[in-house]
Amino acid sequence: MPTSVRTTGGLIILLILWSGLPALAELYHWTDADGVRHYANTPPPKGAKAIVLQEEIPYDPETDENRRAQEDAMLQERASAETQRRLEDAEREAEEARREAEAANRKADQLEKDLADQDDNGSYGTYYPRRRPGYRPPGYRPPGYRPPGQRPPSWRPKPEPYDAPTPRQPGQQPRGNSPEGRPRSK
């Protein structure tokens, strides 16, 4: 099976290459007597008016070499322009980074100066008074505080436990009851 795939692939490549050959020749366009348009690389039959769409250009090595030289020059020009643009961008970014660093240095110097001024004034910012441990301001109530004797809103009295009778074993008399299931009279 792999050999048939290779053979098929080779045939497809040859067909593609052969189909490209007519593109190098002259292309003709004509309309026949029935009004059907035809496109071909062969001259039309006699009696049909033909229009040449593309004429075949013969190969000229000197012209081809000039074209290649022009393309190479254009590619080099583009590459040098791209390099120049990158250099300009890098210089611009370096200048911007230098400006940001200078601004950061100025800000740091200003902060140092402000700190030195504060030390000279004897002021250390906001004053927080000291309080003894356990101090609470008047009217302070901790979270969840209830005055004595007050019950929470969802409080309900607990039901008294139900003492269920124990099951009777065969041949055992129930406590306090007669064998018939009625209470004993005293």
Protein backbone atom coordinates (compact mmCIF):
# COMPACT_ATOMS: atom_id res chain seq x y z
CA MET A 1 0.00 0.00 0.00
CA PRO A 2 2.76 2.57 0.73
CA THR A 3 4.17 2.12 -2.78
CA SER A 4 0.79 2.83 -4.36
CA VAL A 5 0.49 6.00 -2.24
CA ARG A 6 3.94 7.10 -3.38
CA THR A 7 3.09 6.37 -7.00
CA THR A 8 -0.18 8.27 -6.73
CA GLY A 9 1.59 11.19 -5.05
CA GLY A 10 4.21 11.24 -7.81
CA LEU A 11 1.50 11.26 -10.50
CA ILE A 12 -0.31 14.14 -8.79
CA ILE A 13 2.91 16.17 -8.65
CA LEU A 14 3.57 15.51 -12.37
CA LEU A 15 0.02 16.56 -13.27
CA ILE A 16 0.39 19.78 -11.29
CA LEU A 17 3.68 20.56 -13.03
CA TRP A 18 2.25 19.80 -16.49
CA SER A 19 -0.84 21.89 -15.78
CA GLY A 20 1.45 24.87 -15.11
CA LEU A 21 3.10 24.65 -18.53
CA PRO A 22 0.18 26.16 -20.54
CA ALA A 23 0.40 29.29 -18.39
CA LEU A 24 3.67 30.10 -20.13
CA ALA A 25 2.07 30.08 -23.59
CA GLU A 26 -0.27 32.57 -25.25
CA LEU A 27 -3.87 32.47 -24.06
CA TYR A 28 -6.71 32.91 -26.54
CA HIS A 29 -10.35 33.82 -26.00
CA TRP A 30 -13.07 33.39 -28.63
CA THR A 31 -16.80 32.81 -28.97
CA ASP A 32 -18.03 30.14 -31.37
CA ALA A 33 -21.13 30.25 -33.62
CA ASP A 34 -23.36 28.89 -30.80
CA GLY A 35 -22.31 31.75 -28.46
CA VAL A 36 -20.13 29.56 -26.22
CA ARG A 37 -17.00 31.25 -24.90
CA HIS A 38 -13.74 29.36 -25.12
CA TYR A 39 -10.39 29.93 -23.43
CA ALA A 40 -7.35 28.02 -24.67
CA ASN A 41 -3.63 28.25 -25.28
CA THR A 42 -4.03 27.05 -28.87
CA PRO A 43 -5.12 29.32 -31.70
CA PRO A 44 -8.89 29.24 -32.37
CA PRO A 45 -10.39 27.34 -35.34
CA LYS A 46 -10.71 29.15 -38.64
CA GLY A 47 -13.62 31.56 -38.87
CA ALA A 48 -13.58 32.47 -35.15
CA LYS A 49 -12.50 35.90 -34.04
CA ALA A 50 -9.72 35.51 -31.44
CA ILE A 51 -8.47 37.90 -28.81
CA VAL A 52 -5.02 37.31 -27.30
CA LEU A 53 -5.34 37.72 -23.54
CA GLN A 54 -1.69 37.26 -22.67
CA GLU A 55 1.27 37.09 -24.94
CA GLU A 56 4.14 34.80 -24.15
CA ILE A 57 7.20 36.70 -23.00
CA PRO A 58 10.47 35.07 -24.05
CA TYR A 59 13.12 34.49 -21.39
CA ASP A 60 15.90 37.08 -21.34
CA PRO A 61 18.73 36.30 -18.87
CA GLU A 62 19.95 39.92 -18.71
CA THR A 63 16.48 41.30 -17.87
CA ASP A 64 15.98 38.57 -15.29
CA GLU A 65 19.34 39.39 -13.65
CA ASN A 66 18.41 43.11 -13.51
CA ARG A 67 15.05 42.27 -11.93
CA ARG A 68 16.72 40.09 -9.31
CA ALA A 69 19.26 42.82 -8.52
CA GLN A 70 16.41 45.33 -8.07
CA GLU A 71 14.54 42.93 -5.78
CA ASP A 72 17.69 42.34 -3.71
CA ALA A 73 18.27 46.10 -3.41
CA MET A 74 14.64 46.60 -2.30
CA LEU A 75 14.97 43.82 0.31
CA GLN A 76 18.21 45.31 1.67
CA GLU A 77 16.59 48.75 1.80
CA ARG A 78 13.62 47.35 3.72
CA ALA A 79 15.93 45.50 6.13
CA SER A 80 18.00 48.62 6.79
CA ALA A 81 14.81 50.68 7.29
CA GLU A 82 13.52 48.08 9.77
CA THR A 83 16.86 48.09 11.61
CA GLN A 84 16.82 51.89 11.72
CA ARG A 85 13.26 51.88 13.09
CA ARG A 86 14.23 49.38 15.81
CA LEU A 87 17.23 51.49 16.79
CA GLU A 88 15.06 54.60 17.04
CA ASP A 89 12.51 52.71 19.16
CA ALA A 90 15.26 51.43 21.48
CA GLU A 91 16.71 54.96 21.84
CA ARG A 92 13.25 56.35 22.58
CA GLU A 93 12.62 53.66 25.24
CA ALA A 94 16.05 54.29 26.80
CA GLU A 95 15.36 58.05 26.98
CA GLU A 96 11.96 57.40 28.56
CA ALA A 97 13.51 55.02 31.14
CA ARG A 98 16.17 57.63 31.95
CA ARG A 99 13.47 60.28 32.52
CA GLU A 100 11.49 57.92 34.77
CA ALA A 101 14.63 57.12 36.78
CA GLU A 102 15.36 60.84 37.24
CA ALA A 103 11.77 61.44 38.37
CA ALA A 104 12.04 58.57 40.88
CA ASN A 105 15.34 59.98 42.21
CA ARG A 106 13.78 63.43 42.64
CA LYS A 107 10.82 61.90 44.49
CA ALA A 108 13.14 59.90 46.78
CA ASP A 109 15.20 63.03 47.53
CA GLN A 110 12.00 64.95 48.36
CA LEU A 111 10.82 62.18 50.70
CA GLU A 112 14.18 62.13 52.48
CA LYS A 113 14.02 65.91 52.89
CA ASP A 114 10.45 65.72 54.28
CA LEU A 115 11.51 63.00 56.73
CA ALA A 116 14.46 65.08 57.92
CA ASP A 117 12.12 68.09 58.40
CA GLN A 118 9.75 65.97 60.48
CA ASP A 119 12.60 64.83 62.73
CA ASP A 120 13.65 68.44 63.22
CA ASN A 121 10.12 69.48 64.25
CA GLY A 122 9.85 66.73 66.85
CA SER A 123 6.57 65.65 65.26
CA TYR A 124 6.13 62.02 64.42
CA GLY A 125 2.74 62.15 62.77
CA THR A 126 -0.54 61.16 64.41
CA TYR A 127 -0.72 60.88 68.21
CA TYR A 128 -2.33 57.79 69.67
CA PRO A 129 -3.02 58.05 73.44
CA ARG A 130 -2.06 55.07 75.57
CA ARG A 131 -4.84 53.25 77.39
CA ARG A 132 -4.67 50.74 80.16
CA PRO A 133 -5.46 47.09 79.28
CA GLY A 134 -9.15 46.21 79.46
CA TYR A 135 -10.30 49.82 79.04
CA ARG A 136 -13.66 50.17 77.33
CA PRO A 137 -15.21 53.53 76.45
CA PRO A 138 -18.55 54.37 78.08
CA GLY A 139 -21.51 52.58 76.47
CA TYR A 140 -19.32 49.89 74.88
CA ARG A 141 -21.00 46.52 74.47
CA PRO A 142 -19.15 43.55 73.02
CA PRO A 143 -20.68 41.73 70.05
CA GLY A 144 -23.53 39.39 71.07
CA TYR A 145 -24.06 41.14 74.44
CA ARG A 146 -27.46 40.61 76.18
CA PRO A 147 -28.51 42.18 79.43
CA PRO A 148 -28.95 39.67 82.27
CA GLY A 149 -32.29 37.83 82.14
CA GLN A 150 -32.95 38.58 78.48
CA ARG A 151 -33.30 35.58 76.21
CA PRO A 152 -32.25 35.49 72.57
CA PRO A 153 -35.07 36.06 70.05
CA SER A 154 -35.10 32.43 68.87
CA TRP A 155 -35.16 30.94 72.36
CA ARG A 156 -37.74 28.24 73.15
CA PRO A 157 -38.02 26.10 76.25
CA LYS A 158 -36.58 22.62 75.86
CA PRO A 159 -39.14 19.83 75.89
CA GLU A 160 -39.03 17.39 78.71
CA PRO A 161 -37.46 14.09 77.75
CA TYR A 162 -39.89 11.30 76.92
CA ASP A 163 -39.23 8.10 78.80
CA ALA A 164 -40.31 5.36 76.41
CA PRO A 165 -41.32 2.01 77.89
CA THR A 166 -38.83 -0.78 77.38
CA PRO A 167 -40.02 -3.64 75.17
CA ARG A 168 -41.29 -6.73 76.96
CA GLN A 169 -39.43 -9.99 76.77
CA PRO A 170 -41.45 -13.15 76.34
CA GLY A 171 -42.67 -14.40 79.69
CA GLN A 172 -41.87 -11.12 81.46
CA GLN A 173 -44.55 -9.16 83.24
CA PRO A 174 -44.70 -5.45 82.54
CA ARG A 175 -43.94 -3.19 85.51
CA GLY A 176 -46.91 -1.68 87.12
CA ASN A 177 -49.34 -3.31 84.73
CA SER A 178 -51.40 -6.41 84.87
CA PRO A 179 -50.81 -9.19 82.37
CA GLU A 180 -53.83 -7.98 80.46
CA GLY A 181 -52.20 -4.60 79.85
CA ARG A 182 -54.33 -2.69 82.38
CA PRO A 183 -52.85 -0.88 85.32
CA ARG A 184 -52.96 -2.74 88.61
CA SER A 185 -55.17 -1.44 91.26
CA LYS A 186 -53.78 -1.04 94.74
